[in-house]
Amino acid sequence: MKEISCEALLVYLSDYIDNHLDEELTAVAQHHLATCENCRIVLDSTQKTIILFKEKSKEVIPAERKARLFHQLQDAFLAGKEPTK
């Protein structure tokens, strides 16, 4: 079986997670992940980050808060300074 380095695996990690690799490259990646704890940690962390992002992106900002934030950002942009908290 072909070997893959940690650096090469990182290049394909997104496609691996999305199941967009061909069978051969998927098998090579799976073999590497089975033998490399560091890459398994990176894969696990990346997958958890994606899940958290998807969960948080479902939250809706109330219209009043969204409008207030927009106006603060707009005022700060026009004044050339950072927005206040």
N, C-alpha and C. Protein backbone atom coordinates (compact mmCIF):
# COMPACT_ATOMS: atom_id res chain seq x y z
N MET A 1 0.85 -1.19 0.00
CA MET A 1 0.00 0.00 0.00
C MET A 1 0.89 1.25 0.00
N LYS A 2 0.42 2.27 -0.71
CA LYS A 2 1.15 3.54 -0.73
C LYS A 2 1.14 4.16 0.65
N GLU A 3 2.19 4.93 0.92
CA GLU A 3 2.28 5.68 2.18
C GLU A 3 1.99 7.14 1.88
N ILE A 4 1.53 7.85 2.88
CA ILE A 4 1.26 9.27 2.75
C ILE A 4 1.83 9.96 3.99
N SER A 5 2.40 11.12 3.80
CA SER A 5 2.95 11.87 4.94
C SER A 5 1.84 12.64 5.64
N CYS A 6 2.14 13.10 6.83
CA CYS A 6 1.17 13.92 7.57
C CYS A 6 0.84 15.18 6.77
N GLU A 7 1.85 15.80 6.20
CA GLU A 7 1.62 17.02 5.43
C GLU A 7 0.72 16.76 4.23
N ALA A 8 0.94 15.65 3.55
CA ALA A 8 0.11 15.31 2.39
C ALA A 8 -1.32 15.01 2.83
N LEU A 9 -1.47 14.34 3.96
CA LEU A 9 -2.81 14.05 4.45
C LEU A 9 -3.58 15.34 4.72
N LEU A 10 -2.90 16.33 5.29
CA LEU A 10 -3.56 17.60 5.57
C LEU A 10 -4.08 18.28 4.31
N VAL A 11 -3.36 18.10 3.22
CA VAL A 11 -3.80 18.68 1.94
C VAL A 11 -5.14 18.07 1.52
N TYR A 12 -5.31 16.78 1.79
CA TYR A 12 -6.52 16.07 1.37
C TYR A 12 -7.58 15.96 2.47
N LEU A 13 -7.32 16.53 3.64
CA LEU A 13 -8.21 16.33 4.78
C LEU A 13 -9.65 16.77 4.52
N SER A 14 -9.82 17.92 3.93
CA SER A 14 -11.17 18.42 3.65
C SER A 14 -11.91 17.48 2.70
N ASP A 15 -11.22 17.06 1.65
CA ASP A 15 -11.84 16.12 0.70
C ASP A 15 -12.12 14.78 1.36
N TYR A 16 -11.23 14.36 2.27
CA TYR A 16 -11.45 13.11 3.00
C TYR A 16 -12.72 13.21 3.85
N ILE A 17 -12.85 14.30 4.59
CA ILE A 17 -14.02 14.49 5.44
C ILE A 17 -15.31 14.53 4.61
N ASP A 18 -15.24 15.15 3.44
CA ASP A 18 -16.41 15.28 2.56
C ASP A 18 -16.63 14.07 1.66
N ASN A 19 -15.80 13.03 1.83
CA ASN A 19 -15.88 11.81 1.00
C ASN A 19 -15.72 12.09 -0.49
N HIS A 20 -14.77 12.98 -0.82
CA HIS A 20 -14.53 13.32 -2.22
C HIS A 20 -13.24 12.72 -2.78
N LEU A 21 -12.63 11.81 -2.05
CA LEU A 21 -11.40 11.16 -2.54
C LEU A 21 -11.77 9.87 -3.27
N ASP A 22 -10.92 9.49 -4.21
CA ASP A 22 -11.16 8.20 -4.86
C ASP A 22 -10.84 7.08 -3.87
N GLU A 23 -11.21 5.86 -4.24
CA GLU A 23 -11.07 4.72 -3.33
C GLU A 23 -9.63 4.50 -2.88
N GLU A 24 -8.69 4.62 -3.81
CA GLU A 24 -7.29 4.36 -3.48
C GLU A 24 -6.76 5.39 -2.47
N LEU A 25 -7.01 6.65 -2.72
CA LEU A 25 -6.52 7.69 -1.82
C LEU A 25 -7.24 7.63 -0.47
N THR A 26 -8.51 7.26 -0.48
CA THR A 26 -9.24 7.08 0.77
C THR A 26 -8.60 5.96 1.60
N ALA A 27 -8.26 4.87 0.96
CA ALA A 27 -7.63 3.74 1.66
C ALA A 27 -6.27 4.15 2.22
N VAL A 28 -5.51 4.91 1.46
CA VAL A 28 -4.20 5.38 1.91
C VAL A 28 -4.37 6.30 3.12
N ALA A 29 -5.33 7.20 3.05
CA ALA A 29 -5.59 8.12 4.16
C ALA A 29 -6.04 7.35 5.40
N GLN A 30 -6.92 6.38 5.22
CA GLN A 30 -7.40 5.59 6.35
C GLN A 30 -6.26 4.80 7.00
N HIS A 31 -5.38 4.27 6.18
CA HIS A 31 -4.22 3.54 6.71
C HIS A 31 -3.34 4.48 7.53
N HIS A 32 -3.09 5.66 7.00
CA HIS A 32 -2.26 6.63 7.72
C HIS A 32 -2.93 7.02 9.04
N LEU A 33 -4.22 7.29 9.00
CA LEU A 33 -4.95 7.68 10.21
C LEU A 33 -4.95 6.56 11.25
N ALA A 34 -4.93 5.33 10.79
CA ALA A 34 -4.90 4.19 11.72
C ALA A 34 -3.56 4.09 12.44
N THR A 35 -2.52 4.67 11.84
CA THR A 35 -1.18 4.54 12.43
C THR A 35 -0.61 5.84 12.97
N CYS A 36 -1.33 6.96 12.81
CA CYS A 36 -0.79 8.26 13.22
C CYS A 36 -1.77 8.96 14.17
N GLU A 37 -1.42 8.95 15.44
CA GLU A 37 -2.29 9.56 16.44
C GLU A 37 -2.46 11.06 16.22
N ASN A 38 -1.39 11.75 15.84
CA ASN A 38 -1.47 13.20 15.63
C ASN A 38 -2.48 13.54 14.53
N CYS A 39 -2.46 12.81 13.46
CA CYS A 39 -3.40 13.09 12.36
C CYS A 39 -4.83 12.73 12.76
N ARG A 40 -5.00 11.69 13.58
CA ARG A 40 -6.34 11.36 14.08
C ARG A 40 -6.87 12.51 14.94
N ILE A 41 -5.99 13.10 15.74
CA ILE A 41 -6.39 14.24 16.57
C ILE A 41 -6.80 15.42 15.69
N VAL A 42 -6.03 15.70 14.65
CA VAL A 42 -6.35 16.79 13.73
C VAL A 42 -7.69 16.52 13.05
N LEU A 43 -7.89 15.30 12.59
CA LEU A 43 -9.15 14.93 11.94
C LEU A 43 -10.32 15.10 12.91
N ASP A 44 -10.18 14.57 14.12
CA ASP A 44 -11.24 14.67 15.11
C ASP A 44 -11.55 16.13 15.45
N SER A 45 -10.51 16.93 15.65
CA SER A 45 -10.71 18.35 15.98
C SER A 45 -11.40 19.09 14.83
N THR A 46 -11.00 18.79 13.62
CA THR A 46 -11.59 19.43 12.45
C THR A 46 -13.07 19.06 12.32
N GLN A 47 -13.38 17.78 12.50
CA GLN A 47 -14.77 17.34 12.41
C GLN A 47 -15.62 17.97 13.51
N LYS A 48 -15.09 18.07 14.71
CA LYS A 48 -15.83 18.69 15.80
C LYS A 48 -16.04 20.18 15.54
N THR A 49 -15.05 20.84 14.97
CA THR A 49 -15.18 22.26 14.63
C THR A 49 -16.28 22.47 13.61
N ILE A 50 -16.34 21.61 12.62
CA ILE A 50 -17.38 21.69 11.59
C ILE A 50 -18.76 21.52 12.22
N ILE A 51 -18.89 20.55 13.11
CA ILE A 51 -20.17 20.31 13.78
C ILE A 51 -20.58 21.53 14.60
N LEU A 52 -19.64 22.08 15.37
CA LEU A 52 -19.95 23.25 16.18
C LEU A 52 -20.36 24.43 15.32
N PHE A 53 -19.65 24.63 14.21
CA PHE A 53 -19.99 25.73 13.30
C PHE A 53 -21.40 25.56 12.74
N LYS A 54 -21.73 24.35 12.34
CA LYS A 54 -23.07 24.10 11.78
C LYS A 54 -24.15 24.34 12.82
N GLU A 55 -23.89 23.92 14.06
CA GLU A 55 -24.86 24.14 15.12
C GLU A 55 -25.04 25.63 15.41
N LYS A 56 -23.93 26.36 15.49
CA LYS A 56 -24.00 27.79 15.81
C LYS A 56 -24.58 28.60 14.66
N SER A 57 -24.38 28.15 13.44
CA SER A 57 -24.88 28.92 12.30
C SER A 57 -26.40 28.87 12.21
N LYS A 58 -27.03 27.98 12.96
CA LYS A 58 -28.48 27.90 12.98
C LYS A 58 -29.10 28.94 13.89
N GLU A 59 -28.29 29.51 14.78
CA GLU A 59 -28.81 30.52 15.70
C GLU A 59 -29.13 31.80 14.94
N VAL A 60 -30.21 32.43 15.31
CA VAL A 60 -30.65 33.65 14.65
C VAL A 60 -30.44 34.83 15.59
N ILE A 61 -29.84 35.88 15.07
CA ILE A 61 -29.65 37.11 15.85
C ILE A 61 -30.96 37.89 15.78
N PRO A 62 -31.49 38.29 16.94
CA PRO A 62 -32.73 39.09 16.93
C PRO A 62 -32.56 40.34 16.06
N ALA A 63 -33.61 40.74 15.37
CA ALA A 63 -33.57 41.85 14.42
C ALA A 63 -33.08 43.14 15.07
N GLU A 64 -33.53 43.44 16.27
CA GLU A 64 -33.12 44.67 16.96
C GLU A 64 -31.61 44.67 17.25
N ARG A 65 -31.13 43.53 17.72
CA ARG A 65 -29.69 43.42 18.01
C ARG A 65 -28.86 43.50 16.73
N LYS A 66 -29.36 42.87 15.68
CA LYS A 66 -28.67 42.88 14.39
C LYS A 66 -28.58 44.31 13.86
N ALA A 67 -29.69 45.05 13.94
CA ALA A 67 -29.72 46.44 13.47
C ALA A 67 -28.77 47.31 14.28
N ARG A 68 -28.76 47.12 15.61
CA ARG A 68 -27.87 47.91 16.47
C ARG A 68 -26.40 47.62 16.12
N LEU A 69 -26.07 46.36 15.92
CA LEU A 69 -24.70 45.99 15.55
C LEU A 69 -24.33 46.59 14.20
N PHE A 70 -25.24 46.51 13.24
CA PHE A 70 -24.97 47.08 11.92
C PHE A 70 -24.68 48.58 12.03
N HIS A 71 -25.50 49.29 12.79
CA HIS A 71 -25.30 50.73 12.92
C HIS A 71 -24.00 51.07 13.65
N GLN A 72 -23.64 50.27 14.64
CA GLN A 72 -22.36 50.50 15.33
C GLN A 72 -21.20 50.29 14.38
N LEU A 73 -21.26 49.24 13.59
CA LEU A 73 -20.19 48.98 12.62
C LEU A 73 -20.14 50.06 11.55
N GLN A 74 -21.31 50.47 11.07
CA GLN A 74 -21.36 51.51 10.05
C GLN A 74 -20.81 52.83 10.59
N ASP A 75 -21.22 53.21 11.79
CA ASP A 75 -20.73 54.45 12.40
C ASP A 75 -19.22 54.39 12.60
N ALA A 76 -18.72 53.25 13.08
CA ALA A 76 -17.28 53.09 13.30
C ALA A 76 -16.52 53.15 11.99
N PHE A 77 -17.07 52.54 10.95
CA PHE A 77 -16.42 52.56 9.65
C PHE A 77 -16.34 53.98 9.11
N LEU A 78 -17.46 54.69 9.20
CA LEU A 78 -17.49 56.05 8.69
C LEU A 78 -16.60 57.00 9.52
N ALA A 79 -16.46 56.72 10.81
CA ALA A 79 -15.62 57.54 11.67
C ALA A 79 -14.16 57.11 11.61
N GLY A 80 -13.90 55.94 11.02
CA GLY A 80 -12.53 55.44 10.91
C GLY A 80 -11.96 54.92 12.20
N LYS A 81 -12.82 54.38 13.07
CA LYS A 81 -12.34 53.86 14.36
C LYS A 81 -12.99 52.52 14.62
N GLU A 82 -12.51 51.83 15.70
CA GLU A 82 -13.06 50.54 16.07
C GLU A 82 -14.41 50.74 16.76
N PRO A 83 -15.36 49.77 16.56
CA PRO A 83 -16.67 49.89 17.18
C PRO A 83 -16.58 49.77 18.70
N THR A 84 -17.53 50.40 19.39
CA THR A 84 -17.59 50.30 20.85
C THR A 84 -18.35 49.05 21.24
N LYS A 85 -18.08 48.59 22.45
CA LYS A 85 -18.75 47.36 22.91
C LYS A 85 -20.02 47.69 23.62
